[in-house]
Amino acid sequence: MTISIGNDHAGPDYKKAIVNYLEKNGHTVINHGTDTFDSVDYPDFGHPVAYDVESKKADFGIVICGSGNGIAMTANKHQDIRCALCWTVEIAELSRQHNNANILSIPARYTSIQQAIEMVEVFLMTDFEGGRHANRVHKIACK
């Protein structure tokens, strides 16, 4: 699988650990994130991840900022993106099962790196259930 990842200054340590996890598990990673703690603007890193997923250059995306909100809002501006802000493994799992989320947003200031890796693992391993959820997901797109 190819995973696109982007982060602002709140997430370099998270990104490094997640990229390490992904590569150890045979995934290809497209890195759009910053590697420093110098203040940057999260949209500069969220939009490229959303473009990668939208264009099918990446199968899934992961975005990281302090609260997870700003970068999720950025990604969700893209028509075919369903970016889920998750802070527990259960929410990450439900975001895939019920919402067919294609980008995971991680709040670096509210989760541990270990929790983030666990969420990534579950997010990537969980399938969309379809069924009654498919119609709801279709309505999200406003097409």
N, C-alpha and C. Protein backbone atom coordinates (compact mmCIF):
# COMPACT_ATOMS: atom_id res chain seq x y z
N MET A 1 0.83 -1.18 0.00
CA MET A 1 0.00 0.00 0.00
C MET A 1 0.88 1.25 0.00
N THR A 2 0.40 2.28 -0.63
CA THR A 2 1.09 3.57 -0.60
C THR A 2 0.31 4.51 0.31
N ILE A 3 1.03 5.10 1.26
CA ILE A 3 0.44 5.99 2.24
C ILE A 3 1.09 7.36 2.13
N SER A 4 0.28 8.39 2.00
CA SER A 4 0.77 9.77 1.99
C SER A 4 0.63 10.33 3.39
N ILE A 5 1.68 11.00 3.89
CA ILE A 5 1.65 11.52 5.24
C ILE A 5 2.09 12.98 5.25
N GLY A 6 1.43 13.77 6.08
CA GLY A 6 1.78 15.18 6.22
C GLY A 6 1.58 15.62 7.65
N ASN A 7 2.43 16.51 8.10
CA ASN A 7 2.33 17.00 9.48
C ASN A 7 2.87 18.41 9.58
N ASP A 8 2.39 19.12 10.62
CA ASP A 8 2.96 20.43 10.92
C ASP A 8 3.98 20.26 12.05
N HIS A 9 4.34 21.36 12.67
CA HIS A 9 5.38 21.38 13.70
C HIS A 9 5.01 20.61 14.97
N ALA A 10 3.75 20.24 15.14
CA ALA A 10 3.36 19.46 16.32
C ALA A 10 3.64 17.96 16.13
N GLY A 11 3.96 17.55 14.91
CA GLY A 11 4.02 16.12 14.67
C GLY A 11 5.27 15.48 14.11
N PRO A 12 6.44 16.13 14.09
CA PRO A 12 7.61 15.44 13.51
C PRO A 12 7.95 14.11 14.17
N ASP A 13 7.87 14.04 15.49
CA ASP A 13 8.17 12.78 16.18
C ASP A 13 7.15 11.70 15.85
N TYR A 14 5.89 12.11 15.75
CA TYR A 14 4.82 11.18 15.39
C TYR A 14 5.03 10.65 13.99
N LYS A 15 5.30 11.57 13.06
CA LYS A 15 5.51 11.16 11.68
C LYS A 15 6.67 10.18 11.58
N LYS A 16 7.76 10.49 12.23
CA LYS A 16 8.95 9.62 12.16
C LYS A 16 8.61 8.20 12.65
N ALA A 17 7.90 8.11 13.76
CA ALA A 17 7.53 6.80 14.30
C ALA A 17 6.54 6.07 13.39
N ILE A 18 5.59 6.80 12.84
CA ILE A 18 4.59 6.19 11.95
C ILE A 18 5.24 5.74 10.65
N VAL A 19 6.10 6.57 10.07
CA VAL A 19 6.80 6.19 8.84
C VAL A 19 7.63 4.93 9.08
N ASN A 20 8.32 4.88 10.20
CA ASN A 20 9.11 3.71 10.54
C ASN A 20 8.22 2.47 10.62
N TYR A 21 7.08 2.59 11.29
CA TYR A 21 6.13 1.48 11.39
C TYR A 21 5.65 1.06 10.00
N LEU A 22 5.25 2.03 9.18
CA LEU A 22 4.72 1.72 7.86
C LEU A 22 5.76 1.03 6.98
N GLU A 23 6.96 1.56 6.96
CA GLU A 23 8.00 0.97 6.12
C GLU A 23 8.40 -0.42 6.60
N LYS A 24 8.44 -0.64 7.91
CA LYS A 24 8.73 -1.98 8.46
C LYS A 24 7.68 -2.99 8.03
N ASN A 25 6.47 -2.50 7.77
CA ASN A 25 5.37 -3.37 7.37
C ASN A 25 5.15 -3.39 5.86
N GLY A 26 6.14 -2.94 5.11
CA GLY A 26 6.13 -3.07 3.66
C GLY A 26 5.37 -2.02 2.88
N HIS A 27 4.95 -0.95 3.53
CA HIS A 27 4.22 0.11 2.84
C HIS A 27 5.20 1.13 2.24
N THR A 28 4.77 1.75 1.17
CA THR A 28 5.50 2.86 0.57
C THR A 28 4.94 4.15 1.15
N VAL A 29 5.81 5.09 1.52
CA VAL A 29 5.37 6.32 2.15
C VAL A 29 5.76 7.52 1.29
N ILE A 30 4.79 8.40 1.07
CA ILE A 30 5.05 9.69 0.43
C ILE A 30 5.02 10.72 1.57
N ASN A 31 6.12 11.38 1.80
CA ASN A 31 6.27 12.28 2.94
C ASN A 31 6.11 13.74 2.52
N HIS A 32 5.07 14.37 3.03
CA HIS A 32 4.85 15.80 2.81
C HIS A 32 5.03 16.62 4.08
N GLY A 33 5.43 15.97 5.17
CA GLY A 33 5.49 16.66 6.45
C GLY A 33 6.80 17.35 6.73
N THR A 34 6.74 18.26 7.69
CA THR A 34 7.94 18.94 8.14
C THR A 34 8.71 18.04 9.11
N ASP A 35 10.00 18.23 9.18
CA ASP A 35 10.85 17.46 10.10
C ASP A 35 11.33 18.32 11.26
N THR A 36 10.83 19.55 11.35
CA THR A 36 11.29 20.45 12.41
C THR A 36 10.12 20.88 13.28
N PHE A 37 10.45 21.48 14.41
CA PHE A 37 9.45 22.00 15.33
C PHE A 37 9.22 23.50 15.12
N ASP A 38 9.81 24.05 14.05
CA ASP A 38 9.60 25.45 13.71
C ASP A 38 8.16 25.62 13.21
N SER A 39 7.51 26.68 13.63
CA SER A 39 6.12 26.91 13.28
C SER A 39 5.92 26.95 11.76
N VAL A 40 4.93 26.18 11.31
CA VAL A 40 4.55 26.14 9.89
C VAL A 40 3.03 26.15 9.82
N ASP A 41 2.48 26.25 8.63
CA ASP A 41 1.04 26.29 8.42
C ASP A 41 0.55 24.92 7.96
N TYR A 42 -0.33 24.29 8.76
CA TYR A 42 -0.79 22.93 8.47
C TYR A 42 -1.43 22.76 7.09
N PRO A 43 -2.10 23.78 6.49
CA PRO A 43 -2.65 23.55 5.16
C PRO A 43 -1.58 23.22 4.11
N ASP A 44 -0.37 23.74 4.33
CA ASP A 44 0.71 23.47 3.38
C ASP A 44 1.08 21.99 3.35
N PHE A 45 0.67 21.24 4.36
CA PHE A 45 1.00 19.82 4.44
C PHE A 45 -0.24 18.93 4.29
N GLY A 46 -1.40 19.47 4.61
CA GLY A 46 -2.64 18.71 4.46
C GLY A 46 -3.12 18.61 3.03
N HIS A 47 -3.02 19.71 2.28
CA HIS A 47 -3.48 19.68 0.88
C HIS A 47 -2.70 18.66 0.04
N PRO A 48 -1.37 18.60 0.12
CA PRO A 48 -0.67 17.60 -0.70
C PRO A 48 -1.09 16.16 -0.40
N VAL A 49 -1.36 15.85 0.87
CA VAL A 49 -1.82 14.50 1.21
C VAL A 49 -3.18 14.25 0.56
N ALA A 50 -4.08 15.21 0.68
CA ALA A 50 -5.41 15.05 0.07
C ALA A 50 -5.31 14.90 -1.44
N TYR A 51 -4.43 15.66 -2.09
CA TYR A 51 -4.24 15.52 -3.54
C TYR A 51 -3.76 14.11 -3.88
N ASP A 52 -2.83 13.58 -3.08
CA ASP A 52 -2.31 12.23 -3.35
C ASP A 52 -3.42 11.19 -3.27
N VAL A 53 -4.28 11.30 -2.27
CA VAL A 53 -5.36 10.32 -2.10
C VAL A 53 -6.42 10.53 -3.19
N GLU A 54 -6.76 11.77 -3.46
CA GLU A 54 -7.75 12.10 -4.49
C GLU A 54 -7.35 11.57 -5.86
N SER A 55 -6.08 11.73 -6.20
CA SER A 55 -5.57 11.33 -7.51
C SER A 55 -5.20 9.85 -7.58
N LYS A 56 -5.36 9.15 -6.47
CA LYS A 56 -5.03 7.72 -6.36
C LYS A 56 -3.53 7.46 -6.43
N LYS A 57 -2.75 8.49 -6.21
CA LYS A 57 -1.29 8.32 -6.08
C LYS A 57 -1.00 7.57 -4.77
N ALA A 58 -1.88 7.73 -3.79
CA ALA A 58 -1.77 7.04 -2.50
C ALA A 58 -3.09 6.34 -2.20
N ASP A 59 -3.00 5.21 -1.52
CA ASP A 59 -4.21 4.47 -1.13
C ASP A 59 -4.92 5.14 0.04
N PHE A 60 -4.13 5.63 0.98
CA PHE A 60 -4.65 6.31 2.16
C PHE A 60 -3.73 7.45 2.54
N GLY A 61 -4.23 8.32 3.41
CA GLY A 61 -3.43 9.41 3.93
C GLY A 61 -3.46 9.45 5.44
N ILE A 62 -2.43 10.05 6.00
CA ILE A 62 -2.35 10.31 7.43
C ILE A 62 -1.90 11.75 7.59
N VAL A 63 -2.63 12.51 8.39
CA VAL A 63 -2.26 13.90 8.65
C VAL A 63 -2.18 14.11 10.15
N ILE A 64 -1.26 14.99 10.56
CA ILE A 64 -0.99 15.19 11.98
C ILE A 64 -0.81 16.68 12.25
N CYS A 65 -1.54 17.19 13.24
CA CYS A 65 -1.28 18.54 13.75
C CYS A 65 -1.60 18.50 15.24
N GLY A 66 -1.48 19.61 15.92
CA GLY A 66 -1.66 19.63 17.36
C GLY A 66 -2.99 19.08 17.82
N SER A 67 -4.09 19.63 17.33
CA SER A 67 -5.42 19.16 17.71
C SER A 67 -5.98 18.16 16.71
N GLY A 68 -5.39 18.09 15.55
CA GLY A 68 -5.92 17.25 14.47
C GLY A 68 -7.03 17.91 13.70
N ASN A 69 -7.59 18.98 14.24
CA ASN A 69 -8.74 19.64 13.61
C ASN A 69 -8.39 20.42 12.36
N GLY A 70 -7.43 21.32 12.46
CA GLY A 70 -7.12 22.19 11.33
C GLY A 70 -6.70 21.42 10.09
N ILE A 71 -5.86 20.44 10.28
CA ILE A 71 -5.37 19.68 9.13
C ILE A 71 -6.47 18.77 8.57
N ALA A 72 -7.38 18.29 9.44
CA ALA A 72 -8.54 17.51 8.96
C ALA A 72 -9.48 18.39 8.16
N MET A 73 -9.73 19.61 8.65
CA MET A 73 -10.59 20.54 7.91
C MET A 73 -10.00 20.85 6.54
N THR A 74 -8.70 21.00 6.50
CA THR A 74 -8.01 21.26 5.23
C THR A 74 -8.24 20.10 4.27
N ALA A 75 -7.96 18.89 4.70
CA ALA A 75 -8.11 17.72 3.83
C ALA A 75 -9.55 17.56 3.37
N ASN A 76 -10.49 17.83 4.25
CA ASN A 76 -11.91 17.64 3.92
C ASN A 76 -12.45 18.68 2.95
N LYS A 77 -11.67 19.67 2.58
CA LYS A 77 -12.08 20.61 1.53
C LYS A 77 -12.06 19.94 0.16
N HIS A 78 -11.40 18.82 0.05
CA HIS A 78 -11.28 18.10 -1.22
C HIS A 78 -12.48 17.18 -1.39
N GLN A 79 -13.06 17.20 -2.59
CA GLN A 79 -14.33 16.55 -2.87
C GLN A 79 -14.38 15.06 -2.49
N ASP A 80 -13.37 14.31 -2.81
CA ASP A 80 -13.44 12.86 -2.60
C ASP A 80 -12.71 12.40 -1.33
N ILE A 81 -12.48 13.32 -0.43
CA ILE A 81 -11.78 12.99 0.81
C ILE A 81 -12.76 12.90 1.97
N ARG A 82 -12.54 11.88 2.77
CA ARG A 82 -13.26 11.72 4.03
C ARG A 82 -12.19 11.54 5.10
N CYS A 83 -11.78 12.65 5.68
CA CYS A 83 -10.72 12.66 6.68
C CYS A 83 -11.34 12.59 8.07
N ALA A 84 -10.95 11.60 8.84
CA ALA A 84 -11.52 11.38 10.17
C ALA A 84 -10.52 11.76 11.25
N LEU A 85 -10.94 12.66 12.12
CA LEU A 85 -10.15 13.01 13.30
C LEU A 85 -10.39 11.93 14.35
N CYS A 86 -9.33 11.23 14.72
CA CYS A 86 -9.45 10.11 15.64
C CYS A 86 -8.49 10.25 16.81
N TRP A 87 -8.96 9.86 17.98
CA TRP A 87 -8.09 9.91 19.16
C TRP A 87 -8.12 8.59 19.93
N THR A 88 -8.87 7.61 19.42
CA THR A 88 -8.85 6.27 19.98
C THR A 88 -8.85 5.26 18.84
N VAL A 89 -8.41 4.06 19.15
CA VAL A 89 -8.42 2.97 18.16
C VAL A 89 -9.84 2.68 17.71
N GLU A 90 -10.78 2.72 18.64
CA GLU A 90 -12.18 2.41 18.30
C GLU A 90 -12.75 3.42 17.30
N ILE A 91 -12.43 4.69 17.47
CA ILE A 91 -12.92 5.70 16.53
C ILE A 91 -12.26 5.51 15.16
N ALA A 92 -10.98 5.18 15.15
CA ALA A 92 -10.29 4.92 13.87
C ALA A 92 -10.95 3.75 13.15
N GLU A 93 -11.28 2.71 13.88
CA GLU A 93 -11.92 1.54 13.28
C GLU A 93 -13.30 1.90 12.72
N LEU A 94 -14.10 2.61 13.51
CA LEU A 94 -15.43 2.99 13.04
C LEU A 94 -15.37 3.95 11.86
N SER A 95 -14.35 4.80 11.81
CA SER A 95 -14.23 5.73 10.69
C SER A 95 -14.06 4.99 9.36
N ARG A 96 -13.43 3.84 9.42
CA ARG A 96 -13.28 3.02 8.21
C ARG A 96 -14.54 2.20 7.98
N GLN A 97 -15.03 1.52 9.02
CA GLN A 97 -16.19 0.64 8.86
C GLN A 97 -17.44 1.39 8.40
N HIS A 98 -17.71 2.52 9.00
CA HIS A 98 -18.98 3.22 8.77
C HIS A 98 -18.88 4.41 7.83
N ASN A 99 -17.70 5.04 7.75
CA ASN A 99 -17.57 6.26 6.96
C ASN A 99 -16.66 6.12 5.76
N ASN A 100 -16.03 4.97 5.61
CA ASN A 100 -15.07 4.74 4.53
C ASN A 100 -14.04 5.87 4.46
N ALA A 101 -13.56 6.28 5.63
CA ALA A 101 -12.56 7.35 5.70
C ALA A 101 -11.32 6.93 4.90
N ASN A 102 -10.74 7.90 4.21
CA ASN A 102 -9.53 7.60 3.44
C ASN A 102 -8.31 8.38 3.94
N ILE A 103 -8.51 9.25 4.91
CA ILE A 103 -7.40 9.94 5.57
C ILE A 103 -7.66 9.92 7.08
N LEU A 104 -6.64 9.57 7.83
CA LEU A 104 -6.68 9.57 9.29
C LEU A 104 -6.00 10.83 9.80
N SER A 105 -6.70 11.58 10.64
CA SER A 105 -6.11 12.77 11.26
C SER A 105 -5.82 12.46 12.72
N ILE A 106 -4.58 12.73 13.12
CA ILE A 106 -4.11 12.41 14.47
C ILE A 106 -3.81 13.70 15.23
N PRO A 107 -4.39 13.86 16.43
CA PRO A 107 -4.11 15.03 17.26
C PRO A 107 -2.87 14.78 18.13
N ALA A 108 -1.73 15.27 17.71
CA ALA A 108 -0.46 14.98 18.38
C ALA A 108 -0.44 15.42 19.84
N ARG A 109 -1.15 16.47 20.16
CA ARG A 109 -1.11 16.97 21.53
C ARG A 109 -2.07 16.22 22.46
N TYR A 110 -2.83 15.28 21.93
CA TYR A 110 -3.84 14.58 22.73
C TYR A 110 -3.76 13.07 22.66
N THR A 111 -2.76 12.55 21.95
CA THR A 111 -2.54 11.10 21.90
C THR A 111 -1.05 10.84 22.06
N SER A 112 -0.73 9.65 22.48
CA SER A 112 0.67 9.25 22.55
C SER A 112 1.10 8.72 21.19
N ILE A 113 2.39 8.63 20.99
CA ILE A 113 2.90 8.06 19.74
C ILE A 113 2.44 6.61 19.61
N GLN A 114 2.46 5.86 20.70
CA GLN A 114 2.01 4.46 20.65
C GLN A 114 0.53 4.38 20.25
N GLN A 115 -0.31 5.25 20.81
CA GLN A 115 -1.73 5.27 20.42
C GLN A 115 -1.86 5.59 18.94
N ALA A 116 -1.07 6.54 18.46
CA ALA A 116 -1.13 6.93 17.05
C ALA A 116 -0.79 5.75 16.15
N ILE A 117 0.24 5.01 16.49
CA ILE A 117 0.62 3.84 15.69
C ILE A 117 -0.48 2.79 15.71
N GLU A 118 -1.07 2.57 16.87
CA GLU A 118 -2.19 1.62 16.97
C GLU A 118 -3.37 2.06 16.11
N MET A 119 -3.65 3.36 16.09
CA MET A 119 -4.74 3.86 15.26
C MET A 119 -4.42 3.66 13.78
N VAL A 120 -3.19 3.93 13.39
CA VAL A 120 -2.78 3.73 11.99
C VAL A 120 -2.96 2.27 11.60
N GLU A 121 -2.50 1.38 12.46
CA GLU A 121 -2.60 -0.06 12.17
C GLU A 121 -4.06 -0.47 11.95
N VAL A 122 -4.94 -0.08 12.86
CA VAL A 122 -6.35 -0.44 12.75
C VAL A 122 -7.00 0.23 11.54
N PHE A 123 -6.69 1.50 11.33
CA PHE A 123 -7.24 2.24 10.19
C PHE A 123 -6.93 1.52 8.87
N LEU A 124 -5.69 1.11 8.71
CA LEU A 124 -5.27 0.48 7.45
C LEU A 124 -5.79 -0.95 7.30
N MET A 125 -6.06 -1.62 8.39
CA MET A 125 -6.50 -3.02 8.34
C MET A 125 -8.02 -3.17 8.30
N THR A 126 -8.76 -2.11 8.52
CA THR A 126 -10.22 -2.20 8.62
C THR A 126 -10.87 -1.89 7.28
N ASP A 127 -11.80 -2.73 6.90
CA ASP A 127 -12.54 -2.54 5.66
C ASP A 127 -13.83 -1.76 5.90
N PHE A 128 -14.29 -1.10 4.86
CA PHE A 128 -15.59 -0.43 4.86
C PHE A 128 -16.67 -1.50 4.83
N GLU A 129 -17.68 -1.37 5.69
CA GLU A 129 -18.75 -2.36 5.76
C GLU A 129 -19.76 -2.24 4.62
N GLY A 130 -19.86 -1.08 4.01
CA GLY A 130 -20.85 -0.90 2.96
C GLY A 130 -22.25 -0.99 3.53
N GLY A 131 -23.14 -1.67 2.81
CA GLY A 131 -24.51 -1.84 3.28
C GLY A 131 -25.18 -0.51 3.55
N ARG A 132 -25.82 -0.39 4.70
CA ARG A 132 -26.56 0.83 5.03
C ARG A 132 -25.64 2.05 5.08
N HIS A 133 -24.34 1.83 5.30
CA HIS A 133 -23.39 2.94 5.39
C HIS A 133 -23.05 3.51 4.01
N ALA A 134 -23.16 2.72 2.97
CA ALA A 134 -22.79 3.16 1.63
C ALA A 134 -23.62 4.36 1.17
N ASN A 135 -24.91 4.33 1.41
CA ASN A 135 -25.78 5.44 1.02
C ASN A 135 -25.40 6.71 1.77
N ARG A 136 -25.07 6.57 3.04
CA ARG A 136 -24.67 7.73 3.85
C ARG A 136 -23.37 8.33 3.33
N VAL A 137 -22.42 7.47 3.03
CA VAL A 137 -21.13 7.95 2.50
C VAL A 137 -21.33 8.66 1.16
N HIS A 138 -22.22 8.11 0.34
CA HIS A 138 -22.52 8.75 -0.94
C HIS A 138 -23.09 10.15 -0.73
N LYS A 139 -23.91 10.33 0.28
CA LYS A 139 -24.51 11.64 0.56
C LYS A 139 -23.49 12.66 1.05
N ILE A 140 -22.40 12.21 1.64
CA ILE A 140 -21.34 13.14 2.10
C ILE A 140 -20.79 13.94 0.94
N ALA A 141 -20.64 13.30 -0.20
CA ALA A 141 -19.97 13.91 -1.37
C ALA A 141 -20.76 15.05 -2.00
N CYS A 142 -22.05 15.15 -1.77
CA CYS A 142 -22.88 16.22 -2.35
C CYS A 142 -22.78 16.27 -3.87
N LYS A 143 -22.65 15.14 -4.49
CA LYS A 143 -22.53 15.11 -5.95
C LYS A 143 -23.89 15.01 -6.60
